[in-house]
């Protein structure tokens, strides 16, 4: 098995938060096929990995705006997506969720709606209408609060190429519910 091409990184690739998040991407997201689109961009080295230095939401907003501009301006063959990992703040899921409204506002203010989108991952992620320990929540439980910046065109191409893309969420729940507690802990650590 060949190792993936080196990804673009704004921080040291071996830093703790980025290393944790890269391991989660490889073991959970790609390893369990939770996102069938992730493997290609990872193996081609088209993910920009950024560790936020922010300790306050206002600082994170500045970093987010810079990363949205960087992604929008970059050649998609070089940078197709960005993972902005935020180990220094927004540990409370509700505060993180509130910040997502600010993030969406920034996307709109930059005129990038329809061009980019923001997906979210968090150690305590909980889908609306679920219990905290529901296995389905694991699909979005990353080691650190993370903002995933995606190109709309790339998402549309990936969905068009994937048969029954709308079934991914249900398949993920089935996969995660079929795992034993020990298997979940092995992949997700204390988040599982």
N, C-alpha and C. Protein backbone atom coordinates (compact mmCIF):
# COMPACT_ATOMS: atom_id res chain seq x y z
N UNK A 1 0.85 -1.18 0.00
CA UNK A 1 0.00 0.00 0.00
C UNK A 1 0.89 1.24 0.00
N UNK A 2 0.65 2.12 -0.94
CA UNK A 2 1.48 3.33 -0.99
C UNK A 2 0.95 4.36 -0.02
N UNK A 3 1.87 5.17 0.50
CA UNK A 3 1.46 6.21 1.43
C UNK A 3 0.97 7.41 0.64
N UNK A 4 0.06 8.21 1.24
CA UNK A 4 -0.48 9.35 0.53
C UNK A 4 0.60 10.40 0.27
N UNK A 5 0.37 11.16 -0.79
CA UNK A 5 1.27 12.27 -1.09
C UNK A 5 1.23 13.26 0.06
N UNK A 6 2.31 13.99 0.29
CA UNK A 6 2.29 14.95 1.39
C UNK A 6 1.24 16.02 1.13
N UNK A 7 0.46 16.35 2.14
CA UNK A 7 -0.55 17.37 2.03
C UNK A 7 0.05 18.73 2.31
N UNK A 8 -0.59 19.75 1.76
CA UNK A 8 -0.18 21.11 2.04
C UNK A 8 -0.45 21.39 3.51
N UNK A 9 0.50 21.98 4.20
CA UNK A 9 0.34 22.22 5.63
C UNK A 9 0.81 23.62 5.99
N UNK A 10 -0.03 24.33 6.72
CA UNK A 10 0.35 25.66 7.20
C UNK A 10 1.02 25.55 8.56
N UNK A 11 0.97 24.38 9.16
CA UNK A 11 1.61 24.12 10.45
C UNK A 11 2.48 22.89 10.30
N UNK A 12 3.31 22.64 11.27
CA UNK A 12 4.16 21.45 11.22
C UNK A 12 3.28 20.20 11.14
N UNK A 13 3.48 19.35 10.10
CA UNK A 13 2.62 18.20 9.91
C UNK A 13 2.61 17.24 11.09
N UNK A 14 3.65 17.21 11.88
CA UNK A 14 3.71 16.29 13.00
C UNK A 14 3.20 16.88 14.30
N UNK A 15 2.69 18.12 14.27
CA UNK A 15 2.22 18.73 15.51
C UNK A 15 1.10 17.90 16.10
N UNK A 16 0.94 17.94 17.40
CA UNK A 16 -0.01 17.07 18.09
C UNK A 16 -1.43 17.10 17.55
N UNK A 17 -2.02 18.28 17.45
CA UNK A 17 -3.41 18.38 17.00
C UNK A 17 -3.56 17.93 15.55
N UNK A 18 -2.60 18.31 14.71
CA UNK A 18 -2.69 17.88 13.31
C UNK A 18 -2.44 16.39 13.17
N UNK A 19 -1.50 15.87 13.93
CA UNK A 19 -1.24 14.42 13.89
C UNK A 19 -2.45 13.64 14.37
N UNK A 20 -3.09 14.11 15.44
CA UNK A 20 -4.31 13.46 15.94
C UNK A 20 -5.39 13.46 14.87
N UNK A 21 -5.56 14.60 14.23
CA UNK A 21 -6.64 14.76 13.24
C UNK A 21 -6.33 13.95 11.99
N UNK A 22 -5.06 13.92 11.59
CA UNK A 22 -4.69 13.10 10.43
C UNK A 22 -4.94 11.61 10.72
N UNK A 23 -4.61 11.17 11.92
CA UNK A 23 -4.86 9.77 12.29
C UNK A 23 -6.35 9.46 12.28
N UNK A 24 -7.17 10.40 12.79
CA UNK A 24 -8.63 10.23 12.77
C UNK A 24 -9.13 10.15 11.32
N UNK A 25 -8.62 11.02 10.46
CA UNK A 25 -9.04 10.99 9.06
C UNK A 25 -8.71 9.63 8.44
N UNK A 26 -7.51 9.15 8.68
CA UNK A 26 -7.07 7.90 8.07
C UNK A 26 -7.79 6.68 8.67
N UNK A 27 -7.93 6.65 10.00
CA UNK A 27 -8.50 5.47 10.66
C UNK A 27 -10.03 5.45 10.63
N UNK A 28 -10.66 6.59 10.89
CA UNK A 28 -12.12 6.62 10.98
C UNK A 28 -12.76 7.03 9.66
N UNK A 29 -12.44 8.23 9.20
CA UNK A 29 -13.13 8.76 8.02
C UNK A 29 -12.85 7.92 6.78
N UNK A 30 -11.57 7.63 6.53
CA UNK A 30 -11.21 6.82 5.37
C UNK A 30 -11.29 5.33 5.71
N UNK A 31 -10.75 4.96 6.87
CA UNK A 31 -10.72 3.54 7.26
C UNK A 31 -12.09 2.89 7.35
N UNK A 32 -13.07 3.62 7.85
CA UNK A 32 -14.44 3.10 7.95
C UNK A 32 -15.29 3.54 6.75
N UNK A 33 -14.68 4.26 5.83
CA UNK A 33 -15.36 4.78 4.64
C UNK A 33 -16.56 5.66 5.01
N UNK A 34 -16.39 6.47 6.07
CA UNK A 34 -17.47 7.36 6.48
C UNK A 34 -17.70 8.46 5.44
N UNK A 35 -16.64 8.83 4.76
CA UNK A 35 -16.75 9.78 3.65
C UNK A 35 -16.02 9.18 2.46
N UNK A 36 -16.77 8.66 1.49
CA UNK A 36 -16.12 8.00 0.36
C UNK A 36 -15.32 8.96 -0.53
N UNK A 37 -15.43 10.26 -0.29
CA UNK A 37 -14.72 11.25 -1.10
C UNK A 37 -13.36 11.63 -0.50
N UNK A 38 -13.13 11.30 0.75
CA UNK A 38 -11.93 11.76 1.46
C UNK A 38 -10.65 11.09 0.98
N UNK A 39 -10.74 9.84 0.61
CA UNK A 39 -9.52 9.09 0.26
C UNK A 39 -8.79 9.72 -0.92
N UNK A 40 -9.52 10.15 -1.94
CA UNK A 40 -8.87 10.68 -3.14
C UNK A 40 -8.08 11.95 -2.84
N UNK A 41 -8.69 12.92 -2.16
CA UNK A 41 -7.97 14.17 -1.89
C UNK A 41 -6.81 13.94 -0.92
N UNK A 42 -6.97 12.99 0.00
CA UNK A 42 -5.87 12.68 0.92
C UNK A 42 -4.71 12.03 0.17
N UNK A 43 -5.01 11.04 -0.66
CA UNK A 43 -3.93 10.34 -1.36
C UNK A 43 -3.23 11.23 -2.39
N UNK A 44 -3.94 12.24 -2.91
CA UNK A 44 -3.33 13.17 -3.87
C UNK A 44 -2.63 14.35 -3.17
N UNK A 45 -2.72 14.41 -1.84
CA UNK A 45 -2.08 15.50 -1.11
C UNK A 45 -2.76 16.84 -1.32
N UNK A 46 -4.07 16.83 -1.54
CA UNK A 46 -4.81 18.07 -1.84
C UNK A 46 -5.51 18.66 -0.62
N UNK A 47 -5.17 18.17 0.57
CA UNK A 47 -5.74 18.73 1.79
C UNK A 47 -4.75 19.72 2.38
N UNK A 48 -5.23 20.90 2.68
CA UNK A 48 -4.41 21.88 3.41
C UNK A 48 -4.74 21.69 4.88
N UNK A 49 -3.73 21.37 5.67
CA UNK A 49 -3.85 21.14 7.10
C UNK A 49 -3.38 22.38 7.84
N UNK A 50 -4.26 22.97 8.64
CA UNK A 50 -3.92 24.20 9.35
C UNK A 50 -4.29 24.05 10.82
N UNK A 51 -3.32 24.27 11.70
CA UNK A 51 -3.60 24.27 13.13
C UNK A 51 -3.79 25.71 13.58
N UNK A 52 -4.98 26.01 14.05
CA UNK A 52 -5.28 27.35 14.53
C UNK A 52 -4.44 27.65 15.77
N UNK A 53 -3.96 28.89 15.84
CA UNK A 53 -3.26 29.36 17.02
C UNK A 53 -4.19 30.17 17.92
N UNK A 54 -5.44 30.29 17.52
CA UNK A 54 -6.41 31.13 18.22
C UNK A 54 -6.74 30.59 19.61
N UNK A 55 -6.95 31.54 20.52
CA UNK A 55 -7.45 31.21 21.86
C UNK A 55 -8.77 31.94 22.13
N UNK A 56 -9.18 32.79 21.19
CA UNK A 56 -10.42 33.55 21.29
C UNK A 56 -11.17 33.42 19.95
N UNK A 57 -12.50 33.39 20.00
CA UNK A 57 -13.27 33.27 18.75
C UNK A 57 -12.93 34.35 17.72
N UNK A 58 -12.66 35.57 18.15
CA UNK A 58 -12.33 36.65 17.20
C UNK A 58 -11.05 36.32 16.43
N UNK A 59 -10.07 35.74 17.13
CA UNK A 59 -8.83 35.33 16.47
C UNK A 59 -9.10 34.21 15.46
N UNK A 60 -9.93 33.26 15.86
CA UNK A 60 -10.28 32.16 14.96
C UNK A 60 -11.00 32.68 13.72
N UNK A 61 -11.86 33.66 13.90
CA UNK A 61 -12.56 34.24 12.76
C UNK A 61 -11.56 34.82 11.76
N UNK A 62 -10.54 35.51 12.26
CA UNK A 62 -9.51 36.04 11.37
C UNK A 62 -8.78 34.95 10.62
N UNK A 63 -8.45 33.87 11.31
CA UNK A 63 -7.78 32.74 10.65
C UNK A 63 -8.71 32.09 9.62
N UNK A 64 -9.98 31.95 9.98
CA UNK A 64 -10.95 31.35 9.06
C UNK A 64 -11.07 32.19 7.79
N UNK A 65 -11.19 33.50 7.93
CA UNK A 65 -11.31 34.38 6.76
C UNK A 65 -10.07 34.21 5.87
N UNK A 66 -8.89 34.18 6.47
CA UNK A 66 -7.66 34.00 5.69
C UNK A 66 -7.67 32.67 4.96
N UNK A 67 -8.12 31.62 5.63
CA UNK A 67 -8.14 30.29 5.00
C UNK A 67 -9.20 30.19 3.91
N UNK A 68 -10.34 30.83 4.10
CA UNK A 68 -11.36 30.85 3.04
C UNK A 68 -10.81 31.54 1.79
N UNK A 69 -10.11 32.66 1.99
CA UNK A 69 -9.51 33.38 0.86
C UNK A 69 -8.43 32.54 0.19
N UNK A 70 -7.61 31.86 1.00
CA UNK A 70 -6.55 31.02 0.44
C UNK A 70 -7.14 29.90 -0.40
N UNK A 71 -8.16 29.23 0.11
CA UNK A 71 -8.77 28.13 -0.63
C UNK A 71 -9.42 28.63 -1.91
N UNK A 72 -10.14 29.74 -1.82
CA UNK A 72 -10.82 30.28 -3.00
C UNK A 72 -9.83 30.66 -4.10
N UNK A 73 -8.65 31.13 -3.72
CA UNK A 73 -7.65 31.58 -4.69
C UNK A 73 -6.76 30.45 -5.21
N UNK A 74 -6.72 29.34 -4.50
CA UNK A 74 -5.78 28.26 -4.84
C UNK A 74 -6.26 27.43 -6.03
N UNK A 75 -5.31 26.85 -6.72
CA UNK A 75 -5.60 25.88 -7.78
C UNK A 75 -6.15 24.63 -7.10
N UNK A 76 -7.33 24.17 -7.50
CA UNK A 76 -7.92 22.97 -6.87
C UNK A 76 -7.05 21.73 -6.95
N UNK A 77 -6.18 21.66 -7.96
CA UNK A 77 -5.28 20.51 -8.07
C UNK A 77 -4.22 20.54 -6.97
N UNK A 78 -3.93 21.72 -6.45
CA UNK A 78 -2.96 21.85 -5.36
C UNK A 78 -3.64 21.79 -4.00
N UNK A 79 -4.73 22.53 -3.83
CA UNK A 79 -5.49 22.54 -2.58
C UNK A 79 -6.96 22.42 -2.92
N UNK A 80 -7.52 21.27 -2.63
CA UNK A 80 -8.94 21.06 -2.93
C UNK A 80 -9.81 21.33 -1.71
N UNK A 81 -9.24 21.18 -0.53
CA UNK A 81 -10.00 21.32 0.71
C UNK A 81 -9.05 21.70 1.84
N UNK A 82 -9.61 22.30 2.90
CA UNK A 82 -8.79 22.72 4.04
C UNK A 82 -9.42 22.19 5.32
N UNK A 83 -8.57 21.68 6.21
CA UNK A 83 -9.00 21.32 7.56
C UNK A 83 -8.34 22.31 8.52
N UNK A 84 -9.16 23.16 9.12
CA UNK A 84 -8.70 24.14 10.11
C UNK A 84 -8.99 23.55 11.48
N UNK A 85 -7.95 23.05 12.13
CA UNK A 85 -8.05 22.34 13.41
C UNK A 85 -7.85 23.35 14.53
N UNK A 86 -8.75 23.36 15.50
CA UNK A 86 -8.80 24.41 16.53
C UNK A 86 -8.63 23.82 17.93
N UNK A 87 -7.41 23.45 18.33
CA UNK A 87 -7.24 22.80 19.63
C UNK A 87 -7.32 23.75 20.82
N UNK A 88 -7.22 25.06 20.59
CA UNK A 88 -7.12 26.00 21.71
C UNK A 88 -8.41 26.66 22.15
N UNK A 89 -9.53 26.31 21.52
CA UNK A 89 -10.79 26.95 21.91
C UNK A 89 -11.98 26.16 21.39
N UNK A 90 -13.16 26.60 21.81
CA UNK A 90 -14.44 26.02 21.41
C UNK A 90 -14.56 24.54 21.76
N UNK A 91 -14.10 24.21 22.97
CA UNK A 91 -14.19 22.82 23.43
C UNK A 91 -15.63 22.43 23.76
N UNK A 92 -16.45 23.40 24.13
CA UNK A 92 -17.87 23.16 24.39
C UNK A 92 -18.61 23.10 23.04
N UNK A 93 -19.34 22.02 22.81
CA UNK A 93 -19.99 21.84 21.51
C UNK A 93 -21.00 22.94 21.21
N UNK A 94 -21.74 23.39 22.20
CA UNK A 94 -22.72 24.44 21.95
C UNK A 94 -22.04 25.75 21.55
N UNK A 95 -20.91 26.08 22.17
CA UNK A 95 -20.16 27.27 21.78
C UNK A 95 -19.61 27.12 20.36
N UNK A 96 -19.13 25.92 20.05
CA UNK A 96 -18.65 25.63 18.69
C UNK A 96 -19.78 25.81 17.69
N UNK A 97 -20.94 25.27 18.03
CA UNK A 97 -22.10 25.38 17.16
C UNK A 97 -22.48 26.84 16.93
N UNK A 98 -22.42 27.65 17.99
CA UNK A 98 -22.69 29.08 17.86
C UNK A 98 -21.68 29.74 16.92
N UNK A 99 -20.42 29.33 17.02
CA UNK A 99 -19.39 29.90 16.15
C UNK A 99 -19.66 29.58 14.68
N UNK A 100 -20.31 28.46 14.42
CA UNK A 100 -20.60 28.09 13.03
C UNK A 100 -21.48 29.15 12.36
N UNK A 101 -22.37 29.80 13.13
CA UNK A 101 -23.18 30.89 12.58
C UNK A 101 -22.27 32.05 12.15
N UNK A 102 -21.27 32.35 12.98
CA UNK A 102 -20.30 33.40 12.66
C UNK A 102 -19.51 33.00 11.41
N UNK A 103 -19.11 31.74 11.34
CA UNK A 103 -18.35 31.24 10.20
C UNK A 103 -19.16 31.36 8.91
N UNK A 104 -20.41 30.99 8.96
CA UNK A 104 -21.28 31.10 7.78
C UNK A 104 -21.45 32.56 7.38
N UNK A 105 -21.53 33.45 8.37
CA UNK A 105 -21.61 34.88 8.09
C UNK A 105 -20.37 35.38 7.37
N UNK A 106 -19.20 34.89 7.77
CA UNK A 106 -17.96 35.27 7.11
C UNK A 106 -17.95 34.80 5.66
N UNK A 107 -18.42 33.60 5.43
CA UNK A 107 -18.50 33.05 4.07
C UNK A 107 -19.37 33.95 3.20
N UNK A 108 -20.50 34.37 3.76
CA UNK A 108 -21.41 35.25 3.05
C UNK A 108 -20.78 36.63 2.82
N UNK A 109 -20.16 37.20 3.87
CA UNK A 109 -19.53 38.52 3.76
C UNK A 109 -18.44 38.55 2.69
N UNK A 110 -17.75 37.42 2.52
CA UNK A 110 -16.67 37.34 1.52
C UNK A 110 -17.22 37.09 0.11
N UNK A 111 -18.53 36.87 0.01
CA UNK A 111 -19.12 36.58 -1.29
C UNK A 111 -18.76 35.20 -1.82
N UNK A 112 -18.48 34.27 -0.90
CA UNK A 112 -18.04 32.93 -1.30
C UNK A 112 -19.13 31.87 -1.17
N UNK A 113 -20.34 32.28 -0.80
CA UNK A 113 -21.44 31.31 -0.77
C UNK A 113 -21.65 30.79 -2.19
N UNK A 114 -21.87 29.50 -2.32
CA UNK A 114 -22.01 28.91 -3.63
C UNK A 114 -20.69 28.48 -4.23
N UNK A 115 -19.60 28.99 -3.68
CA UNK A 115 -18.26 28.59 -4.13
C UNK A 115 -17.61 27.68 -3.10
N UNK A 116 -17.74 28.03 -1.81
CA UNK A 116 -17.18 27.23 -0.71
C UNK A 116 -18.28 26.93 0.29
N UNK A 117 -18.04 25.90 1.09
CA UNK A 117 -18.93 25.59 2.20
C UNK A 117 -18.09 25.15 3.39
N UNK A 118 -18.71 25.18 4.57
CA UNK A 118 -18.01 24.81 5.80
C UNK A 118 -18.74 23.65 6.45
N UNK A 119 -18.02 22.56 6.66
CA UNK A 119 -18.54 21.42 7.41
C UNK A 119 -17.87 21.45 8.79
N UNK A 120 -18.47 20.78 9.76
CA UNK A 120 -17.95 20.86 11.12
C UNK A 120 -17.78 19.49 11.75
N UNK A 121 -16.72 19.40 12.55
CA UNK A 121 -16.39 18.20 13.32
C UNK A 121 -15.97 18.64 14.71
N UNK A 122 -16.33 17.84 15.71
CA UNK A 122 -16.06 18.23 17.10
C UNK A 122 -16.00 16.98 17.96
N UNK A 123 -15.16 16.97 19.01
CA UNK A 123 -15.07 15.80 19.89
C UNK A 123 -16.40 15.42 20.56
N UNK A 124 -17.30 16.39 20.71
CA UNK A 124 -18.60 16.13 21.35
C UNK A 124 -19.76 16.36 20.39
N UNK A 125 -19.49 16.19 19.10
CA UNK A 125 -20.52 16.44 18.08
C UNK A 125 -21.78 15.64 18.40
N UNK A 126 -22.92 16.30 18.22
CA UNK A 126 -24.19 15.64 18.44
C UNK A 126 -25.20 16.15 17.42
N UNK A 127 -25.70 15.24 16.59
CA UNK A 127 -26.73 15.61 15.62
C UNK A 127 -28.00 15.99 16.37
N UNK A 128 -28.72 16.95 15.81
CA UNK A 128 -29.99 17.38 16.39
C UNK A 128 -30.93 16.18 16.50
N UNK A 129 -31.58 16.06 17.64
CA UNK A 129 -32.53 14.98 17.86
C UNK A 129 -31.93 13.67 18.29
N UNK A 130 -30.62 13.65 18.60
CA UNK A 130 -29.98 12.41 19.04
C UNK A 130 -29.55 12.54 20.50
N UNK A 131 -29.26 11.42 21.10
CA UNK A 131 -28.69 11.39 22.44
C UNK A 131 -27.17 11.50 22.32
N UNK A 132 -26.50 12.03 23.33
CA UNK A 132 -25.03 12.19 23.24
C UNK A 132 -24.28 10.90 22.92
N UNK A 133 -24.77 9.76 23.40
CA UNK A 133 -24.04 8.51 23.17
C UNK A 133 -24.52 7.73 21.95
N UNK A 134 -25.37 8.32 21.11
CA UNK A 134 -25.79 7.64 19.88
C UNK A 134 -24.57 7.42 18.98
N UNK A 135 -24.44 6.21 18.49
CA UNK A 135 -23.28 5.84 17.67
C UNK A 135 -23.15 6.71 16.42
N UNK A 136 -24.26 7.15 15.85
CA UNK A 136 -24.21 7.96 14.64
C UNK A 136 -23.45 9.25 14.80
N UNK A 137 -23.39 9.78 16.02
CA UNK A 137 -22.66 11.02 16.26
C UNK A 137 -21.16 10.87 16.01
N UNK A 138 -20.66 9.63 16.08
CA UNK A 138 -19.23 9.40 15.89
C UNK A 138 -18.75 9.79 14.49
N UNK A 139 -19.65 9.80 13.52
CA UNK A 139 -19.23 10.15 12.17
C UNK A 139 -18.66 11.56 12.08
N UNK A 140 -19.03 12.43 13.02
CA UNK A 140 -18.55 13.81 13.01
C UNK A 140 -17.73 14.15 14.25
N UNK A 141 -17.27 13.13 14.97
CA UNK A 141 -16.47 13.37 16.18
C UNK A 141 -14.99 13.27 15.88
N UNK A 142 -14.38 14.41 15.79
CA UNK A 142 -12.94 14.53 15.53
C UNK A 142 -12.21 14.72 16.86
N UNK A 143 -10.89 14.57 16.85
CA UNK A 143 -10.14 14.74 18.10
C UNK A 143 -10.18 16.18 18.64
N UNK A 144 -10.32 17.16 17.74
CA UNK A 144 -10.32 18.58 18.12
C UNK A 144 -11.41 19.28 17.31
N UNK A 145 -11.94 20.40 17.81
CA UNK A 145 -12.87 21.17 17.00
C UNK A 145 -12.22 21.47 15.64
N UNK A 146 -12.96 21.20 14.57
CA UNK A 146 -12.39 21.32 13.23
C UNK A 146 -13.40 21.91 12.27
N UNK A 147 -12.94 22.88 11.49
CA UNK A 147 -13.74 23.46 10.41
C UNK A 147 -13.19 22.92 9.10
N UNK A 148 -14.05 22.28 8.34
CA UNK A 148 -13.66 21.69 7.07
C UNK A 148 -14.18 22.59 5.96
N UNK A 149 -13.26 23.20 5.24
CA UNK A 149 -13.60 24.12 4.16
C UNK A 149 -13.56 23.34 2.85
N UNK A 150 -14.68 23.35 2.14
CA UNK A 150 -14.82 22.55 0.93
C UNK A 150 -15.22 23.42 -0.26
N UNK A 151 -14.81 23.00 -1.43
CA UNK A 151 -15.24 23.65 -2.67
C UNK A 151 -16.58 23.05 -3.09
N UNK A 152 -17.55 23.90 -3.38
CA UNK A 152 -18.86 23.43 -3.82
C UNK A 152 -18.74 22.58 -5.08
N UNK A 153 -17.91 23.01 -6.05
CA UNK A 153 -17.75 22.25 -7.29
C UNK A 153 -17.25 20.85 -7.02
N UNK A 154 -16.30 20.72 -6.11
CA UNK A 154 -15.75 19.41 -5.79
C UNK A 154 -16.80 18.52 -5.13
N UNK A 155 -17.59 19.10 -4.24
CA UNK A 155 -18.65 18.34 -3.59
C UNK A 155 -19.66 17.87 -4.63
N UNK A 156 -20.06 18.76 -5.53
CA UNK A 156 -21.04 18.39 -6.56
C UNK A 156 -20.52 17.29 -7.46
N UNK A 157 -19.24 17.37 -7.86
CA UNK A 157 -18.65 16.31 -8.71
C UNK A 157 -18.60 14.98 -7.96
N UNK A 158 -18.21 15.03 -6.70
CA UNK A 158 -18.11 13.81 -5.91
C UNK A 158 -19.48 13.17 -5.72
N UNK A 159 -20.48 13.96 -5.42
CA UNK A 159 -21.84 13.43 -5.21
C UNK A 159 -22.38 12.85 -6.52
N UNK A 160 -22.12 13.53 -7.64
CA UNK A 160 -22.60 13.03 -8.94
C UNK A 160 -21.94 11.70 -9.31
N UNK A 161 -20.68 11.53 -8.88
CA UNK A 161 -19.95 10.31 -9.23
C UNK A 161 -20.25 9.15 -8.28
N UNK A 162 -20.88 9.45 -7.15
CA UNK A 162 -21.12 8.41 -6.15
C UNK A 162 -22.57 7.97 -6.21
N UNK A 163 -22.83 6.71 -6.53
CA UNK A 163 -24.21 6.25 -6.59
C UNK A 163 -24.86 6.32 -5.20
N UNK A 164 -26.06 6.86 -5.16
CA UNK A 164 -26.84 6.96 -3.93
C UNK A 164 -26.10 7.70 -2.82
N UNK A 165 -25.57 8.86 -3.15
CA UNK A 165 -24.83 9.66 -2.16
C UNK A 165 -25.69 10.00 -0.95
N UNK A 166 -26.99 10.13 -1.17
CA UNK A 166 -27.89 10.46 -0.06
C UNK A 166 -27.97 9.35 0.98
N UNK A 167 -27.50 8.15 0.64
CA UNK A 167 -27.54 7.02 1.57
C UNK A 167 -26.29 6.95 2.46
N UNK A 168 -25.32 7.84 2.24
CA UNK A 168 -24.07 7.78 3.01
C UNK A 168 -24.35 7.90 4.50
N UNK A 169 -25.17 8.86 4.90
CA UNK A 169 -25.45 9.09 6.32
C UNK A 169 -26.04 7.84 6.97
N UNK A 170 -27.03 7.24 6.33
CA UNK A 170 -27.65 6.03 6.89
C UNK A 170 -26.66 4.88 6.96
N UNK A 171 -25.83 4.73 5.91
CA UNK A 171 -24.82 3.66 5.92
C UNK A 171 -23.81 3.88 7.04
N UNK A 172 -23.44 5.15 7.30
CA UNK A 172 -22.51 5.44 8.39
C UNK A 172 -23.10 5.03 9.72
N UNK A 173 -24.36 5.35 9.95
CA UNK A 173 -25.01 4.96 11.21
C UNK A 173 -25.00 3.45 11.36
N UNK A 174 -25.33 2.72 10.30
CA UNK A 174 -25.30 1.26 10.36
C UNK A 174 -23.91 0.74 10.69
N UNK A 175 -22.88 1.30 10.03
CA UNK A 175 -21.50 0.89 10.27
C UNK A 175 -21.11 1.13 11.72
N UNK A 176 -21.41 2.32 12.23
CA UNK A 176 -21.02 2.69 13.58
C UNK A 176 -21.79 1.91 14.64
N UNK A 177 -23.07 1.66 14.40
CA UNK A 177 -23.87 0.88 15.35
C UNK A 177 -23.45 -0.58 15.38
N UNK A 178 -22.91 -1.08 14.27
CA UNK A 178 -22.48 -2.49 14.21
C UNK A 178 -21.17 -2.72 14.95
N UNK A 179 -20.44 -1.66 15.25
CA UNK A 179 -19.16 -1.80 15.96
C UNK A 179 -19.41 -2.08 17.44
N UNK A 180 -18.56 -2.89 18.02
CA UNK A 180 -18.64 -3.12 19.46
C UNK A 180 -18.08 -1.90 20.19
N UNK A 181 -18.39 -1.72 21.47
CA UNK A 181 -17.79 -0.60 22.20
C UNK A 181 -16.25 -0.62 22.14
N UNK A 182 -15.66 -1.80 22.20
CA UNK A 182 -14.19 -1.89 22.13
C UNK A 182 -13.68 -1.43 20.77
N UNK A 183 -14.38 -1.80 19.70
CA UNK A 183 -13.98 -1.36 18.37
C UNK A 183 -14.10 0.16 18.24
N UNK A 184 -15.17 0.71 18.78
CA UNK A 184 -15.35 2.17 18.73
C UNK A 184 -14.23 2.88 19.47
N UNK A 185 -13.89 2.38 20.66
CA UNK A 185 -12.80 2.99 21.43
C UNK A 185 -11.47 2.89 20.69
N UNK A 186 -11.25 1.76 20.00
CA UNK A 186 -9.99 1.57 19.26
C UNK A 186 -9.85 2.62 18.15
N UNK A 187 -10.95 2.98 17.52
CA UNK A 187 -10.90 3.94 16.43
C UNK A 187 -11.06 5.39 16.91
N UNK A 188 -11.96 5.60 17.86
CA UNK A 188 -12.32 6.96 18.27
C UNK A 188 -11.77 7.37 19.64
N UNK A 189 -11.08 6.48 20.33
CA UNK A 189 -10.57 6.81 21.65
C UNK A 189 -11.71 7.12 22.61
N UNK A 190 -11.53 8.14 23.45
CA UNK A 190 -12.55 8.45 24.45
C UNK A 190 -13.79 9.10 23.83
N UNK A 191 -13.76 9.40 22.52
CA UNK A 191 -14.96 9.92 21.85
C UNK A 191 -15.91 8.79 21.50
N UNK A 192 -15.43 7.52 21.53
CA UNK A 192 -16.23 6.39 21.12
C UNK A 192 -16.79 5.64 22.26
